[in-house]
């Protein structure tokens, strides 16, 4: 038996939540931004809150451990029918992203969900 369709949004694994807790404990609140594009769109970027300026059109997808997770509005249009899960993977982070721990970076996994629920879920 299956439950109701899962709305789009963001979840996190225990490993990601633990990495976030370590980052917050070591230096204060963090935020995430999932951009689009060939070079920087595949991995979420993690910043200290206030170190990255969110655009007026970017979408707050949700929060993880009280840390906001934003997505570029153009990327949201492509992914609005998916549910993302923040996780960690082996390897150093790309760009200016904070590491998820020594030798670790944040990644997202996605699964398709009820696209018709996306506007209702995000209050549009």
N, C-alpha and C. Protein backbone atom coordinates (compact mmCIF):
# COMPACT_ATOMS: atom_id res chain seq x y z
N UNK A 1 0.84 -1.17 0.00
CA UNK A 1 0.00 0.00 0.00
C UNK A 1 0.90 1.24 0.00
N UNK A 2 0.54 2.19 -0.80
CA UNK A 2 1.32 3.42 -0.86
C UNK A 2 0.52 4.56 -0.25
N UNK A 3 1.26 5.56 0.22
CA UNK A 3 0.62 6.72 0.82
C UNK A 3 0.33 7.77 -0.24
N UNK A 4 -0.06 8.94 0.21
CA UNK A 4 -0.32 10.02 -0.74
C UNK A 4 0.95 10.42 -1.47
N UNK A 5 0.81 11.02 -2.65
CA UNK A 5 2.01 11.43 -3.39
C UNK A 5 2.86 12.36 -2.55
N UNK A 6 4.16 12.18 -2.67
CA UNK A 6 5.10 13.00 -1.92
C UNK A 6 5.26 14.35 -2.63
N UNK A 7 5.18 15.47 -1.90
CA UNK A 7 5.34 16.77 -2.56
C UNK A 7 6.81 17.05 -2.86
N UNK A 8 7.06 17.92 -3.83
CA UNK A 8 8.44 18.33 -4.09
C UNK A 8 9.01 19.01 -2.85
N UNK A 9 10.31 19.05 -2.76
CA UNK A 9 10.95 19.69 -1.62
C UNK A 9 12.32 19.11 -1.38
N UNK A 10 12.76 19.18 -0.13
CA UNK A 10 14.11 18.76 0.23
C UNK A 10 14.09 17.93 1.50
N UNK A 11 14.84 16.86 1.51
CA UNK A 11 15.07 16.00 2.67
C UNK A 11 16.58 15.93 2.88
N UNK A 12 17.00 15.24 3.91
CA UNK A 12 18.44 15.04 4.14
C UNK A 12 18.67 13.69 4.80
N UNK A 13 19.79 13.10 4.49
CA UNK A 13 20.18 11.86 5.15
C UNK A 13 20.74 12.19 6.54
N UNK A 14 20.87 11.18 7.34
CA UNK A 14 21.48 11.36 8.66
C UNK A 14 22.91 11.88 8.55
N UNK A 15 23.65 11.41 7.53
CA UNK A 15 25.02 11.86 7.34
C UNK A 15 25.06 13.36 7.02
N UNK A 16 24.13 13.82 6.18
CA UNK A 16 24.09 15.25 5.84
C UNK A 16 23.72 16.07 7.08
N UNK A 17 22.75 15.59 7.84
CA UNK A 17 22.34 16.32 9.06
C UNK A 17 23.49 16.40 10.07
N UNK A 18 24.25 15.34 10.17
CA UNK A 18 25.40 15.33 11.07
C UNK A 18 26.46 16.32 10.59
N UNK A 19 26.71 16.36 9.28
CA UNK A 19 27.69 17.31 8.73
C UNK A 19 27.23 18.74 8.97
N UNK A 20 25.94 19.00 8.81
CA UNK A 20 25.40 20.34 9.05
C UNK A 20 25.59 20.71 10.52
N UNK A 21 25.28 19.79 11.42
CA UNK A 21 25.44 20.05 12.86
C UNK A 21 26.88 20.39 13.18
N UNK A 22 27.83 19.69 12.58
CA UNK A 22 29.25 19.97 12.81
C UNK A 22 29.62 21.35 12.29
N UNK A 23 29.13 21.71 11.10
CA UNK A 23 29.43 23.03 10.54
C UNK A 23 28.85 24.14 11.40
N UNK A 24 27.61 23.98 11.82
CA UNK A 24 26.95 25.01 12.64
C UNK A 24 27.68 25.14 13.97
N UNK A 25 28.05 24.02 14.56
CA UNK A 25 28.75 24.03 15.84
C UNK A 25 30.11 24.73 15.72
N UNK A 26 30.77 24.54 14.59
CA UNK A 26 32.11 25.08 14.41
C UNK A 26 32.12 26.56 14.01
N UNK A 27 31.03 27.05 13.39
CA UNK A 27 31.13 28.42 12.90
C UNK A 27 29.83 29.16 12.70
N UNK A 28 28.72 28.60 13.12
CA UNK A 28 27.44 29.30 12.97
C UNK A 28 26.60 28.75 11.84
N UNK A 29 25.44 29.36 11.64
CA UNK A 29 24.45 28.86 10.68
C UNK A 29 24.99 28.81 9.24
N UNK A 30 24.47 27.85 8.50
CA UNK A 30 24.81 27.70 7.09
C UNK A 30 23.54 27.74 6.25
N UNK A 31 23.72 27.87 4.95
CA UNK A 31 22.63 27.84 3.99
C UNK A 31 23.11 27.08 2.77
N UNK A 32 22.16 26.63 1.98
CA UNK A 32 22.48 25.88 0.76
C UNK A 32 21.87 26.57 -0.44
N UNK A 33 22.55 26.44 -1.57
CA UNK A 33 22.03 26.97 -2.83
C UNK A 33 22.31 25.97 -3.93
N UNK A 34 21.25 25.58 -4.63
CA UNK A 34 21.37 24.67 -5.77
C UNK A 34 21.18 25.51 -7.02
N UNK A 35 22.23 25.67 -7.79
CA UNK A 35 22.15 26.51 -8.98
C UNK A 35 21.90 25.66 -10.21
N UNK A 36 21.89 26.29 -11.34
CA UNK A 36 21.76 25.59 -12.60
C UNK A 36 23.00 25.83 -13.43
N UNK A 37 23.11 25.14 -14.52
CA UNK A 37 24.26 25.36 -15.40
C UNK A 37 25.16 24.16 -15.45
N UNK A 38 26.01 24.15 -16.45
CA UNK A 38 26.84 22.97 -16.69
C UNK A 38 27.94 22.81 -15.66
N UNK A 39 28.46 23.89 -15.15
CA UNK A 39 29.63 23.78 -14.29
C UNK A 39 29.30 23.67 -12.81
N UNK A 40 28.25 24.37 -12.38
CA UNK A 40 28.01 24.40 -10.94
C UNK A 40 26.62 23.91 -10.56
N UNK A 41 25.88 23.32 -11.48
CA UNK A 41 24.51 22.96 -11.17
C UNK A 41 24.32 21.57 -10.60
N UNK A 42 25.35 20.75 -10.60
CA UNK A 42 25.15 19.37 -10.18
C UNK A 42 25.34 19.17 -8.68
N UNK A 43 26.01 20.09 -8.01
CA UNK A 43 26.25 19.95 -6.58
C UNK A 43 25.68 21.16 -5.85
N UNK A 44 25.07 20.93 -4.70
CA UNK A 44 24.61 22.08 -3.91
C UNK A 44 25.82 22.78 -3.30
N UNK A 45 25.70 24.07 -3.17
CA UNK A 45 26.76 24.85 -2.55
C UNK A 45 26.34 25.17 -1.12
N UNK A 46 27.26 25.05 -0.19
CA UNK A 46 27.00 25.33 1.22
C UNK A 46 27.83 26.54 1.62
N UNK A 47 27.16 27.53 2.21
CA UNK A 47 27.82 28.76 2.63
C UNK A 47 27.42 29.09 4.06
N UNK A 48 28.22 29.89 4.72
CA UNK A 48 27.79 30.49 5.98
C UNK A 48 26.65 31.44 5.63
N UNK A 49 25.62 31.49 6.47
CA UNK A 49 24.52 32.40 6.19
C UNK A 49 25.05 33.81 6.05
N UNK A 50 24.59 34.51 5.02
CA UNK A 50 25.02 35.87 4.76
C UNK A 50 26.19 35.98 3.82
N UNK A 51 26.84 34.87 3.47
CA UNK A 51 27.99 34.92 2.57
C UNK A 51 27.60 34.73 1.11
N UNK A 52 26.34 34.48 0.84
CA UNK A 52 25.85 34.32 -0.53
C UNK A 52 24.53 35.07 -0.63
N UNK A 53 24.42 35.89 -1.66
CA UNK A 53 23.20 36.69 -1.82
C UNK A 53 22.20 35.92 -2.67
N UNK A 54 21.01 35.73 -2.11
CA UNK A 54 19.93 35.06 -2.81
C UNK A 54 19.24 36.07 -3.72
N UNK A 55 18.92 35.67 -4.95
CA UNK A 55 18.22 36.54 -5.88
C UNK A 55 16.73 36.63 -5.55
N UNK A 56 16.12 37.69 -6.00
CA UNK A 56 14.69 37.91 -5.74
C UNK A 56 13.81 36.79 -6.29
N UNK A 57 14.26 36.11 -7.33
CA UNK A 57 13.44 35.07 -7.96
C UNK A 57 13.79 33.66 -7.50
N UNK A 58 14.86 33.52 -6.71
CA UNK A 58 15.24 32.19 -6.26
C UNK A 58 14.20 31.64 -5.30
N UNK A 59 14.12 30.33 -5.22
CA UNK A 59 13.05 29.65 -4.48
C UNK A 59 13.61 28.99 -3.22
N UNK A 60 12.95 29.25 -2.09
CA UNK A 60 13.28 28.53 -0.86
C UNK A 60 12.59 27.18 -0.95
N UNK A 61 13.38 26.14 -1.14
CA UNK A 61 12.82 24.79 -1.31
C UNK A 61 12.42 24.19 0.03
N UNK A 62 13.09 24.59 1.09
CA UNK A 62 12.80 24.08 2.42
C UNK A 62 13.96 24.36 3.35
N UNK A 63 13.90 23.77 4.53
CA UNK A 63 15.00 23.90 5.48
C UNK A 63 15.43 22.52 5.93
N UNK A 64 16.69 22.43 6.27
CA UNK A 64 17.26 21.20 6.81
C UNK A 64 17.96 21.60 8.10
N UNK A 65 17.53 21.04 9.20
CA UNK A 65 18.12 21.38 10.50
C UNK A 65 18.17 22.90 10.70
N UNK A 66 17.08 23.56 10.36
CA UNK A 66 16.93 25.02 10.47
C UNK A 66 17.83 25.80 9.52
N UNK A 67 18.41 25.15 8.54
CA UNK A 67 19.25 25.83 7.55
C UNK A 67 18.51 25.88 6.23
N UNK A 68 18.34 27.08 5.64
CA UNK A 68 17.58 27.19 4.40
C UNK A 68 18.29 26.55 3.22
N UNK A 69 17.48 25.99 2.33
CA UNK A 69 17.97 25.38 1.09
C UNK A 69 17.24 26.06 -0.06
N UNK A 70 17.97 26.89 -0.82
CA UNK A 70 17.41 27.63 -1.95
C UNK A 70 17.79 26.95 -3.26
N UNK A 71 16.98 27.22 -4.27
CA UNK A 71 17.29 26.72 -5.60
C UNK A 71 17.08 27.86 -6.59
N UNK A 72 17.96 27.94 -7.57
CA UNK A 72 17.84 28.93 -8.63
C UNK A 72 16.47 28.77 -9.29
N UNK A 73 15.79 29.88 -9.55
CA UNK A 73 14.42 29.81 -10.06
C UNK A 73 14.33 29.09 -11.41
N UNK A 74 15.34 29.20 -12.23
CA UNK A 74 15.33 28.48 -13.52
C UNK A 74 15.51 26.98 -13.29
N UNK A 75 16.37 26.63 -12.35
CA UNK A 75 16.56 25.22 -12.03
C UNK A 75 15.31 24.64 -11.39
N UNK A 76 14.63 25.45 -10.57
CA UNK A 76 13.38 24.99 -9.95
C UNK A 76 12.36 24.64 -11.03
N UNK A 77 12.26 25.43 -12.07
CA UNK A 77 11.30 25.15 -13.13
C UNK A 77 11.56 23.78 -13.76
N UNK A 78 12.82 23.39 -13.84
CA UNK A 78 13.17 22.09 -14.41
C UNK A 78 12.92 20.97 -13.40
N UNK A 79 13.20 21.22 -12.13
CA UNK A 79 13.15 20.19 -11.09
C UNK A 79 11.91 20.25 -10.21
N UNK A 80 10.93 21.09 -10.51
CA UNK A 80 9.82 21.28 -9.58
C UNK A 80 8.98 20.02 -9.35
N UNK A 81 9.16 19.02 -10.16
CA UNK A 81 8.46 17.76 -9.95
C UNK A 81 9.32 16.72 -9.26
N UNK A 82 10.38 17.14 -8.59
CA UNK A 82 11.26 16.18 -7.91
C UNK A 82 11.36 16.49 -6.42
N UNK A 83 11.74 15.50 -5.68
CA UNK A 83 12.07 15.67 -4.27
C UNK A 83 13.55 15.41 -4.15
N UNK A 84 14.28 16.37 -3.60
CA UNK A 84 15.72 16.26 -3.46
C UNK A 84 16.08 15.75 -2.07
N UNK A 85 17.14 14.99 -2.00
CA UNK A 85 17.68 14.53 -0.72
C UNK A 85 19.14 14.97 -0.65
N UNK A 86 19.44 15.79 0.36
CA UNK A 86 20.81 16.22 0.58
C UNK A 86 21.57 15.08 1.24
N UNK A 87 22.74 14.79 0.72
CA UNK A 87 23.57 13.71 1.24
C UNK A 87 25.02 14.17 1.19
N UNK A 88 25.94 13.33 1.56
CA UNK A 88 27.36 13.62 1.45
C UNK A 88 28.02 12.57 0.59
N UNK A 89 29.09 12.96 -0.08
CA UNK A 89 29.85 12.05 -0.91
C UNK A 89 31.34 12.26 -0.69
N UNK A 90 32.11 11.31 -1.14
CA UNK A 90 33.56 11.39 -0.99
C UNK A 90 34.13 12.41 -1.95
N UNK A 91 35.15 13.11 -1.51
CA UNK A 91 35.84 14.09 -2.35
C UNK A 91 35.67 15.49 -1.81
N UNK A 92 36.57 16.35 -2.22
CA UNK A 92 36.54 17.74 -1.79
C UNK A 92 35.41 18.49 -2.48
N UNK A 93 34.87 19.53 -1.83
CA UNK A 93 33.81 20.31 -2.48
C UNK A 93 34.37 21.13 -3.64
N UNK A 94 33.46 21.51 -4.55
CA UNK A 94 33.85 22.34 -5.68
C UNK A 94 33.53 23.80 -5.38
N UNK A 95 34.19 24.69 -6.07
CA UNK A 95 33.90 26.11 -5.92
C UNK A 95 34.19 26.60 -4.51
N UNK A 96 33.29 27.44 -4.02
CA UNK A 96 33.47 28.05 -2.70
C UNK A 96 32.66 27.36 -1.62
N UNK A 97 32.11 26.20 -1.90
CA UNK A 97 31.27 25.50 -0.95
C UNK A 97 32.07 25.02 0.26
N UNK A 98 31.42 25.09 1.41
CA UNK A 98 32.01 24.49 2.61
C UNK A 98 32.02 22.98 2.46
N UNK A 99 33.02 22.34 3.02
CA UNK A 99 33.10 20.88 2.99
C UNK A 99 32.09 20.29 3.96
N UNK A 100 31.66 19.07 3.68
CA UNK A 100 30.75 18.34 4.56
C UNK A 100 31.53 17.59 5.64
N UNK A 101 32.81 17.78 5.66
CA UNK A 101 33.72 17.11 6.59
C UNK A 101 35.03 16.87 5.86
N UNK A 102 36.02 16.34 6.54
CA UNK A 102 37.31 16.08 5.87
C UNK A 102 37.13 15.12 4.69
N UNK A 103 37.47 15.60 3.49
CA UNK A 103 37.36 14.76 2.30
C UNK A 103 35.94 14.47 1.86
N UNK A 104 34.99 15.30 2.29
CA UNK A 104 33.58 15.07 1.93
C UNK A 104 32.96 16.34 1.35
N UNK A 105 31.96 16.17 0.49
CA UNK A 105 31.21 17.28 -0.05
C UNK A 105 29.72 16.93 -0.04
N UNK A 106 28.89 17.95 -0.14
CA UNK A 106 27.45 17.73 -0.19
C UNK A 106 27.04 17.37 -1.62
N UNK A 107 26.06 16.50 -1.74
CA UNK A 107 25.47 16.11 -3.02
C UNK A 107 23.95 16.09 -2.86
N UNK A 108 23.25 16.07 -3.96
CA UNK A 108 21.80 15.86 -3.91
C UNK A 108 21.45 14.66 -4.76
N UNK A 109 20.47 13.95 -4.28
CA UNK A 109 19.87 12.86 -5.03
C UNK A 109 18.43 13.29 -5.29
N UNK A 110 17.84 12.85 -6.38
CA UNK A 110 16.48 13.30 -6.68
C UNK A 110 15.60 12.12 -7.03
N UNK A 111 14.32 12.32 -6.79
CA UNK A 111 13.32 11.33 -7.21
C UNK A 111 12.08 12.10 -7.65
N UNK A 112 11.46 11.58 -8.68
CA UNK A 112 10.27 12.22 -9.24
C UNK A 112 9.10 12.03 -8.28
N UNK A 113 8.30 13.09 -8.14
CA UNK A 113 7.12 13.02 -7.27
C UNK A 113 5.97 13.71 -7.97
N UNK A 114 4.95 14.02 -7.26
CA UNK A 114 3.74 14.60 -7.81
C UNK A 114 3.99 16.05 -8.21
N UNK A 115 4.23 16.27 -9.48
CA UNK A 115 4.53 17.63 -9.97
C UNK A 115 3.36 18.57 -9.77
N UNK A 116 2.14 18.07 -9.78
CA UNK A 116 0.99 18.95 -9.61
C UNK A 116 0.93 19.53 -8.21
N UNK A 117 1.63 18.91 -7.26
CA UNK A 117 1.63 19.41 -5.88
C UNK A 117 2.67 20.50 -5.66
N UNK A 118 3.54 20.74 -6.64
CA UNK A 118 4.66 21.66 -6.41
C UNK A 118 4.20 23.08 -6.10
N UNK A 119 3.26 23.61 -6.84
CA UNK A 119 2.82 24.98 -6.58
C UNK A 119 2.12 25.10 -5.24
N UNK A 120 1.31 24.11 -4.89
CA UNK A 120 0.62 24.13 -3.61
C UNK A 120 1.61 23.98 -2.47
N UNK A 121 2.59 23.09 -2.63
CA UNK A 121 3.57 22.82 -1.58
C UNK A 121 4.40 24.05 -1.26
N UNK A 122 4.78 24.79 -2.31
CA UNK A 122 5.65 25.95 -2.11
C UNK A 122 4.88 27.25 -1.96
N UNK A 123 3.55 27.15 -1.86
CA UNK A 123 2.75 28.33 -1.60
C UNK A 123 2.61 29.26 -2.79
N UNK A 124 2.74 28.75 -4.00
CA UNK A 124 2.58 29.59 -5.20
C UNK A 124 1.14 29.60 -5.66
